[in-house]
Amino acid sequence: MALGVGAPDPDNGRVYKTKLRLDDGGRKLRVRGFIGFSLLGRTQTWVRDEAGAP
């Protein structure tokens, strides 16, 4: 699944294009931020904590 949304930079207020993708059965969320082309960006991977919140 991929979804294009915008994400603001809190430092300069600029809005970056983003792509979100779920991997590993929904356990990992890959967030890619970029300006212009997706090739000129950076990806962060967030992993779900299986233990849950205390």
PDB file of N, CA and C in Angstrom:
ATOM      1  N   MET A   1       0.839  -1.167   0.000  1.00  0.00           N
ATOM      2  CA  MET A   1       0.000   0.000   0.000  1.00  0.00           C
ATOM      3  C   MET A   1       0.888   1.235   0.000  1.00  0.00           C
ATOM      4  N   ALA A   2       0.599   2.191  -0.837  1.00  0.00           N
ATOM      5  CA  ALA A   2       1.321   3.456  -0.862  1.00  0.00           C
ATOM      6  C   ALA A   2       0.310   4.586  -0.877  1.00  0.00           C
ATOM      7  N   LEU A   3       0.612   5.625  -0.143  1.00  0.00           N
ATOM      8  CA  LEU A   3      -0.289   6.756  -0.037  1.00  0.00           C
ATOM      9  C   LEU A   3       0.545   8.018  -0.086  1.00  0.00           C
ATOM     10  N   GLY A   4       0.188   8.960  -0.947  1.00  0.00           N
ATOM     11  CA  GLY A   4       0.926  10.211  -1.034  1.00  0.00           C
ATOM     12  C   GLY A   4       0.255  11.282  -0.194  1.00  0.00           C
ATOM     13  N   VAL A   5       0.980  11.854   0.723  1.00  0.00           N
ATOM     14  CA  VAL A   5       0.472  12.920   1.576  1.00  0.00           C
ATOM     15  C   VAL A   5       1.562  13.973   1.727  1.00  0.00           C
ATOM     16  N   GLY A   6       1.256  15.092   2.350  1.00  0.00           N
ATOM     17  CA  GLY A   6       2.253  16.127   2.602  1.00  0.00           C
ATOM     18  C   GLY A   6       2.634  16.152   4.070  1.00  0.00           C
ATOM     19  N   ALA A   7       3.898  16.489   4.356  1.00  0.00           N
ATOM     20  CA  ALA A   7       4.373  16.569   5.737  1.00  0.00           C
ATOM     21  C   ALA A   7       5.134  17.884   5.908  1.00  0.00           C
ATOM     22  N   PRO A   8       4.721  18.712   6.881  1.00  0.00           N
ATOM     23  CA  PRO A   8       5.421  19.984   7.092  1.00  0.00           C
ATOM     24  C   PRO A   8       6.717  19.802   7.884  1.00  0.00           C
ATOM     25  N   ASP A   9       7.720  20.607   7.550  1.00  0.00           N
ATOM     26  CA  ASP A   9       8.967  20.653   8.314  1.00  0.00           C
ATOM     27  C   ASP A   9       8.771  21.702   9.404  1.00  0.00           C
ATOM     28  N   PRO A  10       8.844  21.331  10.681  1.00  0.00           N
ATOM     29  CA  PRO A  10       8.599  22.298  11.749  1.00  0.00           C
ATOM     30  C   PRO A  10       9.650  23.407  11.820  1.00  0.00           C
ATOM     31  N   ASP A  11      10.838  23.168  11.243  1.00  0.00           N
ATOM     32  CA  ASP A  11      11.900  24.181  11.301  1.00  0.00           C
ATOM     33  C   ASP A  11      11.685  25.325  10.318  1.00  0.00           C
ATOM     34  N   ASN A  12      11.221  24.994   9.088  1.00  0.00           N
ATOM     35  CA  ASN A  12      11.094  26.049   8.080  1.00  0.00           C
ATOM     36  C   ASN A  12       9.678  26.199   7.517  1.00  0.00           C
ATOM     37  N   GLY A  13       8.744  25.335   7.938  1.00  0.00           N
ATOM     38  CA  GLY A  13       7.363  25.430   7.493  1.00  0.00           C
ATOM     39  C   GLY A  13       7.100  24.904   6.100  1.00  0.00           C
ATOM     40  N   ARG A  14       8.125  24.431   5.430  1.00  0.00           N
ATOM     41  CA  ARG A  14       7.982  23.896   4.078  1.00  0.00           C
ATOM     42  C   ARG A  14       7.276  22.535   4.115  1.00  0.00           C
ATOM     43  N   VAL A  15       6.429  22.283   3.125  1.00  0.00           N
ATOM     44  CA  VAL A  15       5.697  21.016   3.074  1.00  0.00           C
ATOM     45  C   VAL A  15       6.364  20.097   2.054  1.00  0.00           C
ATOM     46  N   TYR A  16       6.717  18.910   2.502  1.00  0.00           N
ATOM     47  CA  TYR A  16       7.379  17.915   1.657  1.00  0.00           C
ATOM     48  C   TYR A  16       6.371  16.860   1.228  1.00  0.00           C
ATOM     49  N   LYS A  17       6.557  16.335   0.037  1.00  0.00           N
ATOM     50  CA  LYS A  17       5.740  15.211  -0.410  1.00  0.00           C
ATOM     51  C   LYS A  17       6.222  13.986   0.341  1.00  0.00           C
ATOM     52  N   THR A  18       5.297  13.086   0.632  1.00  0.00           N
ATOM     53  CA  THR A  18       5.666  11.854   1.334  1.00  0.00           C
ATOM     54  C   THR A  18       4.947  10.661   0.722  1.00  0.00           C
ATOM     55  N   LYS A  19       5.546   9.514   0.911  1.00  0.00           N
ATOM     56  CA  LYS A  19       4.911   8.240   0.567  1.00  0.00           C
ATOM     57  C   LYS A  19       4.981   7.362   1.803  1.00  0.00           C
ATOM     58  N   LEU A  20       3.859   6.734   2.132  1.00  0.00           N
ATOM     59  CA  LEU A  20       3.774   5.833   3.275  1.00  0.00           C
ATOM     60  C   LEU A  20       3.541   4.424   2.766  1.00  0.00           C
ATOM     61  N   ARG A  21       4.215   3.453   3.381  1.00  0.00           N
ATOM     62  CA  ARG A  21       4.069   2.067   2.940  1.00  0.00           C
ATOM     63  C   ARG A  21       4.146   1.130   4.144  1.00  0.00           C
ATOM     64  N   LEU A  22       3.195   0.218   4.236  1.00  0.00           N
ATOM     65  CA  LEU A  22       3.222  -0.807   5.283  1.00  0.00           C
ATOM     66  C   LEU A  22       3.917  -2.051   4.760  1.00  0.00           C
ATOM     67  N   ASP A  23       4.830  -2.592   5.555  1.00  0.00           N
ATOM     68  CA  ASP A  23       5.546  -3.813   5.204  1.00  0.00           C
ATOM     69  C   ASP A  23       5.478  -4.800   6.352  1.00  0.00           C
ATOM     70  N   ASP A  24       5.885  -6.010   6.091  1.00  0.00           N
ATOM     71  CA  ASP A  24       6.003  -7.052   7.113  1.00  0.00           C
ATOM     72  C   ASP A  24       4.679  -7.266   7.854  1.00  0.00           C
ATOM     73  N   GLY A  25       3.597  -7.367   7.071  1.00  0.00           N
ATOM     74  CA  GLY A  25       2.282  -7.627   7.658  1.00  0.00           C
ATOM     75  C   GLY A  25       1.758  -6.497   8.526  1.00  0.00           C
ATOM     76  N   GLY A  26       2.165  -5.261   8.240  1.00  0.00           N
ATOM     77  CA  GLY A  26       1.722  -4.119   9.023  1.00  0.00           C
ATOM     78  C   GLY A  26       2.606  -3.810  10.209  1.00  0.00           C
ATOM     79  N   ARG A  27       3.677  -4.551  10.385  1.00  0.00           N
ATOM     80  CA  ARG A  27       4.583  -4.349  11.513  1.00  0.00           C
ATOM     81  C   ARG A  27       5.520  -3.166  11.292  1.00  0.00           C
ATOM     82  N   LYS A  28       5.835  -2.864  10.020  1.00  0.00           N
ATOM     83  CA  LYS A  28       6.755  -1.774   9.695  1.00  0.00           C
ATOM     84  C   LYS A  28       6.050  -0.724   8.843  1.00  0.00           C
ATOM     85  N   LEU A  29       6.300   0.535   9.157  1.00  0.00           N
ATOM     86  CA  LEU A  29       5.796   1.652   8.372  1.00  0.00           C
ATOM     87  C   LEU A  29       6.998   2.370   7.785  1.00  0.00           C
ATOM     88  N   ARG A  30       7.050   2.425   6.469  1.00  0.00           N
ATOM     89  CA  ARG A  30       8.139   3.134   5.787  1.00  0.00           C
ATOM     90  C   ARG A  30       7.611   4.491   5.338  1.00  0.00           C
ATOM     91  N   VAL A  31       8.296   5.547   5.766  1.00  0.00           N
ATOM     92  CA  VAL A  31       7.908   6.918   5.457  1.00  0.00           C
ATOM     93  C   VAL A  31       9.014   7.530   4.601  1.00  0.00           C
ATOM     94  N   ARG A  32       8.683   7.926   3.371  1.00  0.00           N
ATOM     95  CA  ARG A  32       9.655   8.535   2.475  1.00  0.00           C
ATOM     96  C   ARG A  32       9.266   9.980   2.232  1.00  0.00           C
ATOM     97  N   GLY A  33      10.174  10.900   2.554  1.00  0.00           N
ATOM     98  CA  GLY A  33       9.949  12.325   2.331  1.00  0.00           C
ATOM     99  C   GLY A  33      10.833  12.808   1.200  1.00  0.00           C
ATOM    100  N   PHE A  34      10.295  13.706   0.348  1.00  0.00           N
ATOM    101  CA  PHE A  34      11.083  14.175  -0.800  1.00  0.00           C
ATOM    102  C   PHE A  34      10.529  15.490  -1.338  1.00  0.00           C
ATOM    103  N   ILE A  35      11.353  16.159  -2.124  1.00  0.00           N
ATOM    104  CA  ILE A  35      10.953  17.353  -2.865  1.00  0.00           C
ATOM    105  C   ILE A  35      11.103  17.016  -4.342  1.00  0.00           C
ATOM    106  N   GLY A  36      10.052  17.189  -5.101  1.00  0.00           N
ATOM    107  CA  GLY A  36      10.135  16.920  -6.545  1.00  0.00           C
ATOM    108  C   GLY A  36      10.022  15.442  -6.849  1.00  0.00           C
ATOM    109  N   PHE A  37      11.166  14.760  -6.920  1.00  0.00           N
ATOM    110  CA  PHE A  37      11.198  13.343  -7.277  1.00  0.00           C
ATOM    111  C   PHE A  37      11.475  12.485  -6.064  1.00  0.00           C
ATOM    112  N   SER A  38      10.852  11.326  -6.014  1.00  0.00           N
ATOM    113  CA  SER A  38      11.032  10.399  -4.898  1.00  0.00           C
ATOM    114  C   SER A  38      12.486   9.927  -4.773  1.00  0.00           C
ATOM    115  N   LEU A  39      13.219   9.937  -5.884  1.00  0.00           N
ATOM    116  CA  LEU A  39      14.626   9.509  -5.844  1.00  0.00           C
ATOM    117  C   LEU A  39      15.491  10.471  -5.024  1.00  0.00           C
ATOM    118  N   LEU A  40      15.039  11.722  -4.902  1.00  0.00           N
ATOM    119  CA  LEU A  40      15.788  12.732  -4.163  1.00  0.00           C
ATOM    120  C   LEU A  40      15.185  12.919  -2.780  1.00  0.00           C
ATOM    121  N   GLY A  41      15.201  11.860  -1.985  1.00  0.00           N
ATOM    122  CA  GLY A  41      14.581  11.934  -0.674  1.00  0.00           C
ATOM    123  C   GLY A  41      15.239  11.008   0.328  1.00  0.00           C
ATOM    124  N   ARG A  42      14.533  10.809   1.430  1.00  0.00           N
ATOM    125  CA  ARG A  42      15.046   9.974   2.516  1.00  0.00           C
ATOM    126  C   ARG A  42      13.913   9.136   3.079  1.00  0.00           C
ATOM    127  N   THR A  43      14.232   7.907   3.489  1.00  0.00           N
ATOM    128  CA  THR A  43      13.228   7.005   4.048  1.00  0.00           C
ATOM    129  C   THR A  43      13.552   6.692   5.504  1.00  0.00           C
ATOM    130  N   GLN A  44      12.517   6.733   6.341  1.00  0.00           N
ATOM    131  CA  GLN A  44      12.620   6.270   7.724  1.00  0.00           C
ATOM    132  C   GLN A  44      11.704   5.068   7.874  1.00  0.00           C
ATOM    133  N   THR A  45      12.130   4.098   8.679  1.00  0.00           N
ATOM    134  CA  THR A  45      11.309   2.924   8.947  1.00  0.00           C
ATOM    135  C   THR A  45      10.946   2.912  10.424  1.00  0.00           C
ATOM    136  N   TRP A  46       9.655   2.868  10.689  1.00  0.00           N
ATOM    137  CA  TRP A  46       9.158   2.771  12.050  1.00  0.00           C
ATOM    138  C   TRP A  46       8.664   1.349  12.259  1.00  0.00           C
ATOM    139  N   VAL A  47       9.031   0.745  13.403  1.00  0.00           N
ATOM    140  CA  VAL A  47       8.665  -0.634  13.709  1.00  0.00           C
ATOM    141  C   VAL A  47       7.710  -0.641  14.898  1.00  0.00           C
ATOM    142  N   ARG A  48       6.612  -1.373  14.751  1.00  0.00           N
ATOM    143  CA  ARG A  48       5.594  -1.466  15.817  1.00  0.00           C
ATOM    144  C   ARG A  48       6.162  -2.199  17.024  1.00  0.00           C
ATOM    145  N   ASP A  49       5.888  -1.666  18.202  1.00  0.00           N
ATOM    146  CA  ASP A  49       6.289  -2.304  19.459  1.00  0.00           C
ATOM    147  C   ASP A  49       5.257  -3.374  19.777  1.00  0.00           C
ATOM    148  N   GLU A  50       5.631  -4.617  19.689  1.00  0.00           N
ATOM    149  CA  GLU A  50       4.706  -5.732  19.895  1.00  0.00           C
ATOM    150  C   GLU A  50       4.304  -5.898  21.359  1.00  0.00           C
ATOM    151  N   ALA A  51       5.088  -5.338  22.277  1.00  0.00           N
ATOM    152  CA  ALA A  51       4.788  -5.475  23.706  1.00  0.00           C
ATOM    153  C   ALA A  51       3.584  -4.629  24.100  1.00  0.00           C
ATOM    154  N   GLY A  52       3.306  -3.593  23.338  1.00  0.00           N
ATOM    155  CA  GLY A  52       2.174  -2.722  23.660  1.00  0.00           C
ATOM    156  C   GLY A  52       2.564  -1.642  24.644  1.00  0.00           C
ATOM    157  N   ALA A  53       1.673  -0.694  24.827  1.00  0.00           N
ATOM    158  CA  ALA A  53       1.930   0.412  25.746  1.00  0.00           C
ATOM    159  C   ALA A  53       1.691  -0.030  27.187  1.00  0.00           C
ATOM    160  N   PRO A  54       2.486   0.509  28.113  1.00  0.00           N
ATOM    161  CA  PRO A  54       2.290   0.136  29.539  1.00  0.00           C
ATOM    162  C   PRO A  54       1.031   0.708  30.116  1.00  0.00           C
TER     163      PRO A  54
END
